[in-house]
Amino acid sequence: MTNTQVQVSPNVRAVTAYASAARTATPNTVELGLIEGSFREHAFFVFDITAVTSTPSLTFKVEGVDRVSGKTWTILTGAAEAAVATRVYRVSPSLAASANAVAQDVLPPFIRITVTHGNANSATYSLAVYFS
């Protein structure tokens, strides 16, 4: 799978990880590099599913990336989604952890975002990331 890499500068408060589009398969992962001075403690991931065909199975995941070893670790994984919905996932050291919704953690310098398709049913969705 190919990664789409985006450098996030200090003045950027929002990033479109996936623009709204109909998809039937797992798209490329999106890797965000929080360049020096842009580290944020809090991130909000807005996963907006606006149309589905049959019952797709979509799972959001954000991972930390270690650029030295190339390895990743899971920060947060959402529950599988199969219907029209807007889900907000949060990563913040000041929020209480909640399974499949909130990770009580800090963001590392590099994060990877993936929306995994469990089947070939079509879903139209977007995913935006907001930093504070």
N, C-alpha and C. Protein backbone atom coordinates (compact mmCIF):
# COMPACT_ATOMS: atom_id res chain seq x y z
N MET A 1 0.84 -1.18 0.00
CA MET A 1 0.00 0.00 0.00
C MET A 1 0.88 1.24 0.00
N THR A 2 0.51 2.23 -0.74
CA THR A 2 1.27 3.46 -0.85
C THR A 2 0.80 4.46 0.18
N ASN A 3 1.74 5.28 0.66
CA ASN A 3 1.40 6.35 1.60
C ASN A 3 1.35 7.67 0.86
N THR A 4 0.39 8.51 1.22
CA THR A 4 0.37 9.90 0.80
C THR A 4 0.94 10.68 1.95
N GLN A 5 2.01 11.43 1.73
CA GLN A 5 2.67 12.15 2.82
C GLN A 5 2.36 13.63 2.73
N VAL A 6 2.01 14.21 3.87
CA VAL A 6 1.67 15.63 3.98
C VAL A 6 2.45 16.21 5.14
N GLN A 7 3.16 17.30 4.90
CA GLN A 7 3.85 18.01 5.97
C GLN A 7 2.91 19.07 6.53
N VAL A 8 2.75 19.08 7.84
CA VAL A 8 1.83 20.01 8.49
C VAL A 8 2.65 21.10 9.17
N SER A 9 2.54 22.32 8.68
CA SER A 9 3.30 23.43 9.23
C SER A 9 2.62 24.00 10.47
N PRO A 10 3.35 24.82 11.25
CA PRO A 10 2.81 25.32 12.53
C PRO A 10 1.49 26.09 12.41
N ASN A 11 1.26 26.77 11.29
CA ASN A 11 0.05 27.59 11.19
C ASN A 11 -1.16 26.82 10.65
N VAL A 12 -1.00 25.55 10.32
CA VAL A 12 -2.11 24.75 9.79
C VAL A 12 -2.93 24.18 10.94
N ARG A 13 -4.22 24.40 10.90
CA ARG A 13 -5.11 23.91 11.95
C ARG A 13 -6.01 22.77 11.46
N ALA A 14 -6.10 22.58 10.13
CA ALA A 14 -6.96 21.53 9.58
C ALA A 14 -6.32 20.94 8.33
N VAL A 15 -6.52 19.63 8.16
CA VAL A 15 -5.99 18.92 6.99
C VAL A 15 -7.10 18.01 6.48
N THR A 16 -7.27 17.97 5.16
CA THR A 16 -8.18 17.01 4.56
C THR A 16 -7.37 15.75 4.28
N ALA A 17 -7.62 14.70 5.05
CA ALA A 17 -6.92 13.44 4.84
C ALA A 17 -7.51 12.71 3.64
N TYR A 18 -8.83 12.65 3.58
CA TYR A 18 -9.53 12.05 2.44
C TYR A 18 -10.66 12.99 2.04
N ALA A 19 -10.61 13.48 0.81
CA ALA A 19 -11.70 14.30 0.29
C ALA A 19 -12.92 13.40 0.06
N SER A 20 -14.10 13.98 0.09
CA SER A 20 -15.31 13.21 -0.10
C SER A 20 -15.31 12.54 -1.47
N ALA A 21 -15.49 11.22 -1.48
CA ALA A 21 -15.53 10.43 -2.71
C ALA A 21 -16.12 9.07 -2.40
N ALA A 22 -16.70 8.46 -3.42
CA ALA A 22 -17.19 7.08 -3.28
C ALA A 22 -16.00 6.15 -3.46
N ARG A 23 -15.88 5.18 -2.55
CA ARG A 23 -14.77 4.23 -2.60
C ARG A 23 -15.30 2.82 -2.35
N THR A 24 -14.64 1.84 -2.98
CA THR A 24 -15.01 0.44 -2.79
C THR A 24 -13.85 -0.38 -2.24
N ALA A 25 -12.71 0.25 -2.04
CA ALA A 25 -11.53 -0.46 -1.53
C ALA A 25 -10.74 0.48 -0.64
N THR A 26 -9.87 -0.07 0.18
CA THR A 26 -9.03 0.71 1.07
C THR A 26 -8.16 1.68 0.27
N PRO A 27 -8.28 2.98 0.53
CA PRO A 27 -7.43 3.95 -0.18
C PRO A 27 -6.02 3.96 0.42
N ASN A 28 -5.11 4.66 -0.26
CA ASN A 28 -3.76 4.84 0.28
C ASN A 28 -3.83 5.41 1.68
N THR A 29 -2.89 5.02 2.52
CA THR A 29 -2.81 5.64 3.83
C THR A 29 -2.32 7.07 3.67
N VAL A 30 -2.63 7.90 4.65
CA VAL A 30 -2.18 9.28 4.65
C VAL A 30 -1.24 9.44 5.84
N GLU A 31 -0.02 9.88 5.57
CA GLU A 31 0.94 10.10 6.64
C GLU A 31 1.14 11.60 6.81
N LEU A 32 0.95 12.06 8.04
CA LEU A 32 1.11 13.48 8.34
C LEU A 32 2.39 13.66 9.14
N GLY A 33 3.25 14.55 8.66
CA GLY A 33 4.46 14.91 9.39
C GLY A 33 4.23 16.24 10.08
N LEU A 34 4.24 16.21 11.39
CA LEU A 34 4.02 17.44 12.16
C LEU A 34 5.39 18.09 12.35
N ILE A 35 5.77 18.95 11.39
CA ILE A 35 7.11 19.50 11.37
C ILE A 35 7.37 20.38 12.58
N GLU A 36 8.64 20.60 12.87
CA GLU A 36 9.05 21.31 14.07
C GLU A 36 8.25 22.59 14.25
N GLY A 37 7.75 22.76 15.46
CA GLY A 37 6.94 23.93 15.77
C GLY A 37 5.46 23.69 15.55
N SER A 38 5.09 22.54 14.94
CA SER A 38 3.68 22.29 14.68
C SER A 38 3.11 21.17 15.54
N PHE A 39 3.90 20.67 16.48
CA PHE A 39 3.40 19.60 17.34
C PHE A 39 2.16 20.08 18.08
N ARG A 40 1.16 19.25 18.10
CA ARG A 40 -0.09 19.59 18.76
C ARG A 40 -0.40 18.52 19.79
N GLU A 41 -1.00 18.91 20.87
CA GLU A 41 -1.40 17.92 21.88
C GLU A 41 -2.72 17.26 21.52
N HIS A 42 -3.57 17.96 20.82
CA HIS A 42 -4.93 17.48 20.58
C HIS A 42 -5.20 17.38 19.09
N ALA A 43 -5.85 16.29 18.70
CA ALA A 43 -6.30 16.15 17.31
C ALA A 43 -7.71 15.57 17.32
N PHE A 44 -8.51 16.06 16.40
CA PHE A 44 -9.86 15.59 16.22
C PHE A 44 -9.97 15.10 14.79
N PHE A 45 -10.46 13.90 14.61
CA PHE A 45 -10.58 13.28 13.30
C PHE A 45 -12.06 13.13 13.00
N VAL A 46 -12.54 13.84 11.98
CA VAL A 46 -13.97 13.81 11.64
C VAL A 46 -14.15 12.91 10.43
N PHE A 47 -14.76 11.76 10.67
CA PHE A 47 -15.01 10.74 9.65
C PHE A 47 -16.47 10.85 9.27
N ASP A 48 -16.75 11.40 8.09
CA ASP A 48 -18.11 11.71 7.67
C ASP A 48 -18.53 10.79 6.52
N ILE A 49 -19.37 9.81 6.83
CA ILE A 49 -19.88 8.87 5.84
C ILE A 49 -21.23 9.39 5.38
N THR A 50 -21.33 9.74 4.09
CA THR A 50 -22.54 10.40 3.59
C THR A 50 -23.42 9.51 2.72
N ALA A 51 -22.90 8.40 2.22
CA ALA A 51 -23.70 7.47 1.41
C ALA A 51 -23.07 6.09 1.47
N VAL A 52 -23.93 5.06 1.46
CA VAL A 52 -23.44 3.68 1.46
C VAL A 52 -24.28 2.85 0.51
N THR A 53 -23.68 1.79 -0.03
CA THR A 53 -24.39 0.80 -0.82
C THR A 53 -24.31 -0.50 -0.05
N SER A 54 -25.47 -1.08 0.24
CA SER A 54 -25.54 -2.30 1.02
C SER A 54 -24.94 -2.04 2.40
N THR A 55 -24.07 -2.86 2.88
CA THR A 55 -23.47 -2.66 4.20
C THR A 55 -21.95 -2.73 4.12
N PRO A 56 -21.32 -1.59 3.85
CA PRO A 56 -19.86 -1.59 3.83
C PRO A 56 -19.32 -1.80 5.25
N SER A 57 -18.07 -2.08 5.36
CA SER A 57 -17.43 -2.21 6.66
C SER A 57 -16.18 -1.35 6.63
N LEU A 58 -16.25 -0.19 7.30
CA LEU A 58 -15.17 0.79 7.27
C LEU A 58 -14.59 0.97 8.66
N THR A 59 -13.28 0.88 8.77
CA THR A 59 -12.63 1.03 10.07
C THR A 59 -11.54 2.09 9.99
N PHE A 60 -11.68 3.12 10.82
CA PHE A 60 -10.71 4.21 10.93
C PHE A 60 -9.60 3.79 11.88
N LYS A 61 -8.35 4.17 11.54
CA LYS A 61 -7.23 3.91 12.45
C LYS A 61 -6.19 5.02 12.30
N VAL A 62 -5.64 5.44 13.44
CA VAL A 62 -4.52 6.37 13.45
C VAL A 62 -3.37 5.68 14.18
N GLU A 63 -2.19 5.76 13.57
CA GLU A 63 -1.00 5.12 14.12
C GLU A 63 0.13 6.13 14.26
N GLY A 64 1.00 5.88 15.20
CA GLY A 64 2.25 6.61 15.28
C GLY A 64 3.26 5.94 14.36
N VAL A 65 4.19 6.73 13.83
CA VAL A 65 5.20 6.20 12.92
C VAL A 65 6.59 6.51 13.47
N ASP A 66 7.41 5.48 13.59
CA ASP A 66 8.81 5.64 13.97
C ASP A 66 9.63 5.68 12.70
N ARG A 67 10.13 6.85 12.34
CA ARG A 67 10.89 7.01 11.10
C ARG A 67 12.24 6.30 11.14
N VAL A 68 12.77 5.99 12.31
CA VAL A 68 14.06 5.30 12.40
C VAL A 68 13.91 3.82 12.01
N SER A 69 12.94 3.15 12.63
CA SER A 69 12.76 1.71 12.36
C SER A 69 11.76 1.44 11.25
N GLY A 70 10.91 2.44 10.94
CA GLY A 70 9.86 2.23 9.96
C GLY A 70 8.63 1.55 10.53
N LYS A 71 8.65 1.30 11.83
CA LYS A 71 7.53 0.60 12.46
C LYS A 71 6.45 1.58 12.89
N THR A 72 5.23 1.04 13.05
CA THR A 72 4.09 1.85 13.50
C THR A 72 3.49 1.22 14.75
N TRP A 73 2.74 2.02 15.49
CA TRP A 73 1.98 1.52 16.63
C TRP A 73 0.62 2.18 16.61
N THR A 74 -0.36 1.43 17.07
CA THR A 74 -1.74 1.92 17.05
C THR A 74 -1.97 2.91 18.18
N ILE A 75 -2.51 4.07 17.81
CA ILE A 75 -2.92 5.07 18.80
C ILE A 75 -4.42 4.92 19.06
N LEU A 76 -5.21 4.77 17.98
CA LEU A 76 -6.66 4.67 18.12
C LEU A 76 -7.24 3.94 16.92
N THR A 77 -8.16 3.03 17.19
CA THR A 77 -8.91 2.33 16.14
C THR A 77 -10.39 2.48 16.44
N GLY A 78 -11.14 2.94 15.46
CA GLY A 78 -12.58 3.07 15.63
C GLY A 78 -13.29 1.75 15.41
N ALA A 79 -14.54 1.69 15.81
CA ALA A 79 -15.38 0.51 15.55
C ALA A 79 -15.74 0.50 14.06
N ALA A 80 -16.00 -0.67 13.53
CA ALA A 80 -16.39 -0.79 12.12
C ALA A 80 -17.71 -0.04 11.89
N GLU A 81 -17.74 0.73 10.82
CA GLU A 81 -18.93 1.51 10.46
C GLU A 81 -19.57 0.90 9.22
N ALA A 82 -20.91 0.87 9.19
CA ALA A 82 -21.61 0.26 8.05
C ALA A 82 -22.79 1.10 7.57
N ALA A 83 -22.93 2.31 8.10
CA ALA A 83 -24.09 3.14 7.75
C ALA A 83 -23.67 4.61 7.66
N VAL A 84 -24.57 5.43 7.13
CA VAL A 84 -24.34 6.86 7.07
C VAL A 84 -24.20 7.37 8.51
N ALA A 85 -23.12 8.10 8.75
CA ALA A 85 -22.87 8.60 10.11
C ALA A 85 -21.72 9.60 10.06
N THR A 86 -21.65 10.44 11.09
CA THR A 86 -20.49 11.29 11.30
C THR A 86 -19.90 10.91 12.64
N ARG A 87 -18.66 10.46 12.61
CA ARG A 87 -17.97 10.04 13.83
C ARG A 87 -16.80 10.98 14.08
N VAL A 88 -16.62 11.37 15.32
CA VAL A 88 -15.48 12.21 15.70
C VAL A 88 -14.62 11.40 16.65
N TYR A 89 -13.37 11.21 16.25
CA TYR A 89 -12.39 10.51 17.08
C TYR A 89 -11.43 11.56 17.62
N ARG A 90 -10.95 11.34 18.85
CA ARG A 90 -10.10 12.34 19.49
C ARG A 90 -8.84 11.70 20.06
N VAL A 91 -7.73 12.43 19.95
CA VAL A 91 -6.48 12.05 20.60
C VAL A 91 -6.03 13.25 21.42
N SER A 92 -5.92 13.06 22.73
CA SER A 92 -5.55 14.16 23.61
C SER A 92 -5.10 13.59 24.96
N PRO A 93 -4.03 14.13 25.53
CA PRO A 93 -3.61 13.66 26.84
C PRO A 93 -4.55 14.11 27.96
N SER A 94 -5.41 15.11 27.67
CA SER A 94 -6.28 15.64 28.72
C SER A 94 -7.70 15.06 28.70
N LEU A 95 -7.99 14.15 27.78
CA LEU A 95 -9.31 13.52 27.73
C LEU A 95 -9.24 12.11 28.28
N ALA A 96 -10.31 11.67 28.90
CA ALA A 96 -10.37 10.29 29.39
C ALA A 96 -10.51 9.34 28.20
N ALA A 97 -9.77 8.26 28.22
CA ALA A 97 -9.83 7.28 27.14
C ALA A 97 -11.23 6.67 27.06
N SER A 98 -11.66 6.38 25.84
CA SER A 98 -12.94 5.73 25.59
C SER A 98 -12.73 4.81 24.39
N ALA A 99 -13.02 3.53 24.57
CA ALA A 99 -12.77 2.54 23.52
C ALA A 99 -13.36 2.97 22.18
N ASN A 100 -12.57 2.87 21.15
CA ASN A 100 -12.97 3.15 19.77
C ASN A 100 -13.38 4.60 19.52
N ALA A 101 -13.06 5.53 20.42
CA ALA A 101 -13.47 6.92 20.23
C ALA A 101 -12.44 7.94 20.68
N VAL A 102 -11.80 7.71 21.84
CA VAL A 102 -10.85 8.68 22.40
C VAL A 102 -9.61 7.94 22.88
N ALA A 103 -8.44 8.45 22.47
CA ALA A 103 -7.17 7.94 22.98
C ALA A 103 -6.57 8.99 23.89
N GLN A 104 -6.27 8.60 25.11
CA GLN A 104 -5.59 9.52 26.03
C GLN A 104 -4.10 9.36 25.74
N ASP A 105 -3.60 10.20 24.82
CA ASP A 105 -2.24 10.06 24.31
C ASP A 105 -1.82 11.39 23.71
N VAL A 106 -0.54 11.50 23.38
CA VAL A 106 -0.03 12.66 22.66
C VAL A 106 0.28 12.22 21.23
N LEU A 107 0.32 13.17 20.32
CA LEU A 107 0.65 12.87 18.94
C LEU A 107 2.16 12.84 18.76
N PRO A 108 2.69 11.80 18.13
CA PRO A 108 4.11 11.77 17.81
C PRO A 108 4.37 12.67 16.59
N PRO A 109 5.63 12.89 16.21
CA PRO A 109 5.92 13.75 15.07
C PRO A 109 5.34 13.27 13.74
N PHE A 110 5.12 11.95 13.60
CA PHE A 110 4.54 11.41 12.37
C PHE A 110 3.38 10.49 12.72
N ILE A 111 2.24 10.71 12.04
CA ILE A 111 1.09 9.84 12.24
C ILE A 111 0.62 9.32 10.89
N ARG A 112 0.01 8.16 10.92
CA ARG A 112 -0.52 7.54 9.70
C ARG A 112 -2.00 7.29 9.91
N ILE A 113 -2.81 7.67 8.93
CA ILE A 113 -4.26 7.52 8.99
C ILE A 113 -4.68 6.53 7.91
N THR A 114 -5.55 5.60 8.30
CA THR A 114 -6.05 4.60 7.35
C THR A 114 -7.54 4.41 7.56
N VAL A 115 -8.26 4.25 6.46
CA VAL A 115 -9.65 3.79 6.51
C VAL A 115 -9.65 2.47 5.75
N THR A 116 -9.86 1.38 6.48
CA THR A 116 -9.81 0.05 5.89
C THR A 116 -11.21 -0.40 5.50
N HIS A 117 -11.33 -0.90 4.27
CA HIS A 117 -12.59 -1.44 3.76
C HIS A 117 -12.58 -2.94 3.99
N GLY A 118 -13.61 -3.45 4.67
CA GLY A 118 -13.71 -4.87 4.94
C GLY A 118 -14.37 -5.65 3.83
N ASN A 119 -14.98 -4.93 2.87
CA ASN A 119 -15.61 -5.58 1.72
C ASN A 119 -15.62 -4.58 0.56
N ALA A 120 -16.22 -4.94 -0.56
CA ALA A 120 -16.20 -4.09 -1.75
C ALA A 120 -17.46 -3.24 -1.91
N ASN A 121 -18.30 -3.15 -0.88
CA ASN A 121 -19.49 -2.30 -0.96
C ASN A 121 -19.07 -0.84 -0.95
N SER A 122 -19.73 -0.03 -1.76
CA SER A 122 -19.37 1.37 -1.91
C SER A 122 -19.78 2.21 -0.70
N ALA A 123 -18.89 3.16 -0.37
CA ALA A 123 -19.20 4.14 0.66
C ALA A 123 -18.61 5.47 0.24
N THR A 124 -19.36 6.53 0.43
CA THR A 124 -18.86 7.87 0.17
C THR A 124 -18.54 8.50 1.51
N TYR A 125 -17.30 8.96 1.65
CA TYR A 125 -16.90 9.54 2.93
C TYR A 125 -15.75 10.51 2.75
N SER A 126 -15.56 11.31 3.80
CA SER A 126 -14.41 12.22 3.89
C SER A 126 -13.83 12.05 5.29
N LEU A 127 -12.59 12.48 5.43
CA LEU A 127 -11.95 12.46 6.74
C LEU A 127 -11.09 13.69 6.87
N ALA A 128 -11.42 14.50 7.87
CA ALA A 128 -10.67 15.73 8.13
C ALA A 128 -9.99 15.63 9.49
N VAL A 129 -8.83 16.28 9.62
CA VAL A 129 -8.10 16.29 10.87
C VAL A 129 -7.98 17.73 11.34
N TYR A 130 -8.34 17.98 12.60
CA TYR A 130 -8.25 19.31 13.18
C TYR A 130 -7.28 19.26 14.36
N PHE A 131 -6.37 20.23 14.42
CA PHE A 131 -5.39 20.29 15.48
C PHE A 131 -5.67 21.47 16.40
N SER A 132 -5.36 21.29 17.68
CA SER A 132 -5.44 22.42 18.62
C SER A 132 -4.37 22.26 19.66
